[in-house]
N, C-alpha and C. Protein backbone atom coordinates (compact mmCIF):
# COMPACT_ATOMS: atom_id res chain seq x y z
N MET A 1 272.39 -1.12 182.11
CA MET A 1 272.76 -1.26 183.50
C MET A 1 273.60 -2.52 183.72
N ARG A 2 273.37 -3.55 182.89
CA ARG A 2 274.15 -4.77 183.05
C ARG A 2 275.61 -4.54 182.70
N LEU A 3 275.86 -3.65 181.72
CA LEU A 3 277.24 -3.33 181.37
C LEU A 3 277.96 -2.68 182.55
N LEU A 4 277.30 -1.76 183.21
CA LEU A 4 277.90 -1.11 184.38
C LEU A 4 278.14 -2.10 185.51
N ALA A 5 277.18 -3.01 185.70
CA ALA A 5 277.34 -4.03 186.74
C ALA A 5 278.51 -4.95 186.42
N TRP A 6 278.65 -5.33 185.13
CA TRP A 6 279.75 -6.19 184.74
C TRP A 6 281.09 -5.47 184.93
N LEU A 7 281.17 -4.20 184.51
CA LEU A 7 282.40 -3.43 184.70
C LEU A 7 282.76 -3.30 186.18
N THR A 8 281.77 -3.07 187.00
CA THR A 8 282.00 -2.92 188.43
C THR A 8 282.49 -4.23 189.04
N GLU A 9 281.83 -5.34 188.70
CA GLU A 9 282.25 -6.65 189.22
C GLU A 9 283.66 -6.99 188.78
N THR A 10 283.98 -6.68 187.53
CA THR A 10 285.33 -6.95 187.02
C THR A 10 286.36 -6.11 187.77
N PHE A 11 286.06 -4.86 187.99
CA PHE A 11 286.96 -3.97 188.72
C PHE A 11 287.16 -4.44 190.16
N ILE A 12 286.08 -4.80 190.81
CA ILE A 12 286.15 -5.26 192.21
C ILE A 12 286.94 -6.55 192.29
N ALA A 13 286.70 -7.48 191.37
CA ALA A 13 287.42 -8.76 191.40
C ALA A 13 288.90 -8.57 191.07
N THR A 14 289.21 -7.66 190.15
CA THR A 14 290.59 -7.44 189.75
C THR A 14 291.42 -6.84 190.88
N PHE A 15 290.88 -5.86 191.57
CA PHE A 15 291.64 -5.16 192.59
C PHE A 15 291.36 -5.64 194.01
N GLY A 16 290.47 -6.62 194.16
CA GLY A 16 290.23 -7.21 195.47
C GLY A 16 289.54 -6.29 196.45
N ILE A 17 288.70 -5.43 195.95
CA ILE A 17 287.97 -4.49 196.81
C ILE A 17 286.81 -5.24 197.47
N THR A 18 286.47 -4.86 198.67
CA THR A 18 285.34 -5.45 199.38
C THR A 18 284.06 -5.16 198.62
N HIS A 19 283.23 -6.18 198.45
CA HIS A 19 281.96 -6.01 197.74
C HIS A 19 281.01 -5.12 198.55
N PRO A 20 280.26 -4.28 197.87
CA PRO A 20 279.32 -3.39 198.57
C PRO A 20 278.13 -4.18 199.12
N ARG A 21 277.48 -3.58 200.09
CA ARG A 21 276.25 -4.19 200.62
C ARG A 21 275.19 -4.16 199.53
N PRO A 22 274.22 -5.06 199.60
CA PRO A 22 273.18 -5.11 198.55
C PRO A 22 272.45 -3.79 198.34
N GLU A 23 272.22 -3.03 199.39
CA GLU A 23 271.50 -1.76 199.23
C GLU A 23 272.38 -0.67 198.61
N GLN A 24 273.69 -0.87 198.58
CA GLN A 24 274.60 0.10 197.97
C GLN A 24 275.00 -0.29 196.55
N GLU A 25 274.59 -1.46 196.10
CA GLU A 25 275.06 -1.98 194.84
C GLU A 25 274.72 -1.09 193.64
N ARG A 26 273.51 -0.56 193.61
CA ARG A 26 273.11 0.29 192.48
C ARG A 26 273.96 1.56 192.42
N LYS A 27 274.19 2.19 193.56
CA LYS A 27 274.98 3.41 193.60
C LYS A 27 276.44 3.13 193.19
N VAL A 28 276.98 2.01 193.65
CA VAL A 28 278.35 1.64 193.31
C VAL A 28 278.46 1.33 191.82
N ASN A 29 277.45 0.63 191.27
CA ASN A 29 277.46 0.33 189.83
C ASN A 29 277.46 1.61 189.01
N LEU A 30 276.66 2.57 189.41
CA LEU A 30 276.61 3.84 188.67
C LEU A 30 277.91 4.62 188.81
N LEU A 31 278.49 4.63 189.99
CA LEU A 31 279.70 5.41 190.22
C LEU A 31 280.92 4.77 189.56
N ILE A 32 281.26 3.56 189.98
CA ILE A 32 282.46 2.91 189.46
C ILE A 32 282.28 2.54 187.99
N GLY A 33 281.16 1.92 187.66
CA GLY A 33 280.92 1.54 186.27
C GLY A 33 280.86 2.74 185.34
N GLY A 34 280.23 3.80 185.79
CA GLY A 34 280.16 5.01 184.97
C GLY A 34 281.52 5.64 184.74
N LEU A 35 282.34 5.68 185.78
CA LEU A 35 283.68 6.24 185.63
C LEU A 35 284.54 5.38 184.70
N LEU A 36 284.45 4.06 184.86
CA LEU A 36 285.22 3.17 183.99
C LEU A 36 284.76 3.28 182.53
N LEU A 37 283.46 3.32 182.32
CA LEU A 37 282.94 3.43 180.96
C LEU A 37 283.34 4.77 180.33
N THR A 38 283.28 5.84 181.10
CA THR A 38 283.70 7.15 180.61
C THR A 38 285.18 7.14 180.25
N PHE A 39 286.01 6.52 181.09
CA PHE A 39 287.43 6.44 180.82
C PHE A 39 287.72 5.64 179.55
N ILE A 40 287.05 4.51 179.39
CA ILE A 40 287.25 3.67 178.21
C ILE A 40 286.84 4.41 176.94
N VAL A 41 285.69 5.07 176.98
CA VAL A 41 285.23 5.83 175.81
C VAL A 41 286.20 6.97 175.50
N ALA A 42 286.71 7.64 176.53
CA ALA A 42 287.66 8.73 176.31
C ALA A 42 288.96 8.22 175.69
N VAL A 43 289.45 7.09 176.14
CA VAL A 43 290.68 6.52 175.57
C VAL A 43 290.47 6.17 174.10
N PHE A 44 289.34 5.52 173.79
CA PHE A 44 289.06 5.20 172.39
C PHE A 44 288.90 6.46 171.55
N GLY A 45 288.32 7.50 172.12
CA GLY A 45 288.16 8.76 171.40
C GLY A 45 289.51 9.41 171.11
N VAL A 46 290.40 9.44 172.07
CA VAL A 46 291.72 10.02 171.87
C VAL A 46 292.51 9.21 170.85
N VAL A 47 292.48 7.89 170.97
CA VAL A 47 293.20 7.04 170.01
C VAL A 47 292.62 7.23 168.61
N GLY A 48 291.31 7.26 168.49
CA GLY A 48 290.69 7.49 167.20
C GLY A 48 291.06 8.84 166.60
N PHE A 49 291.08 9.87 167.44
CA PHE A 49 291.47 11.20 166.98
C PHE A 49 292.92 11.21 166.50
N LEU A 50 293.81 10.57 167.25
CA LEU A 50 295.22 10.52 166.86
C LEU A 50 295.42 9.76 165.56
N VAL A 51 294.72 8.64 165.40
CA VAL A 51 294.80 7.89 164.16
C VAL A 51 294.29 8.74 162.99
N PHE A 52 293.19 9.45 163.20
CA PHE A 52 292.65 10.32 162.17
C PHE A 52 293.64 11.41 161.79
N MET A 53 294.26 12.05 162.77
CA MET A 53 295.20 13.12 162.49
C MET A 53 296.45 12.60 161.79
N ILE A 54 296.91 11.43 162.15
CA ILE A 54 298.09 10.85 161.50
C ILE A 54 297.77 10.49 160.06
N SER A 55 296.57 9.97 159.82
CA SER A 55 296.21 9.53 158.48
C SER A 55 295.93 10.71 157.54
N ARG A 56 295.71 11.89 158.06
CA ARG A 56 295.45 13.08 157.23
C ARG A 56 296.70 13.58 156.54
N ARG A 57 297.86 13.23 157.02
CA ARG A 57 299.12 13.74 156.47
C ARG A 57 299.26 13.41 155.07
């Protein structure tokens, strides 16, 4: 959960988004942090797959 909180705080600070209210913080961490983590994992997966396919030649 700390990873999601860190990703969310970094995203909010980078783009200057208004911080959520304390009672909304958990939901925001799961939503924004989860989407960012999913995106990062997907990018690494695609890059890894492309490197694997190139190295098979």
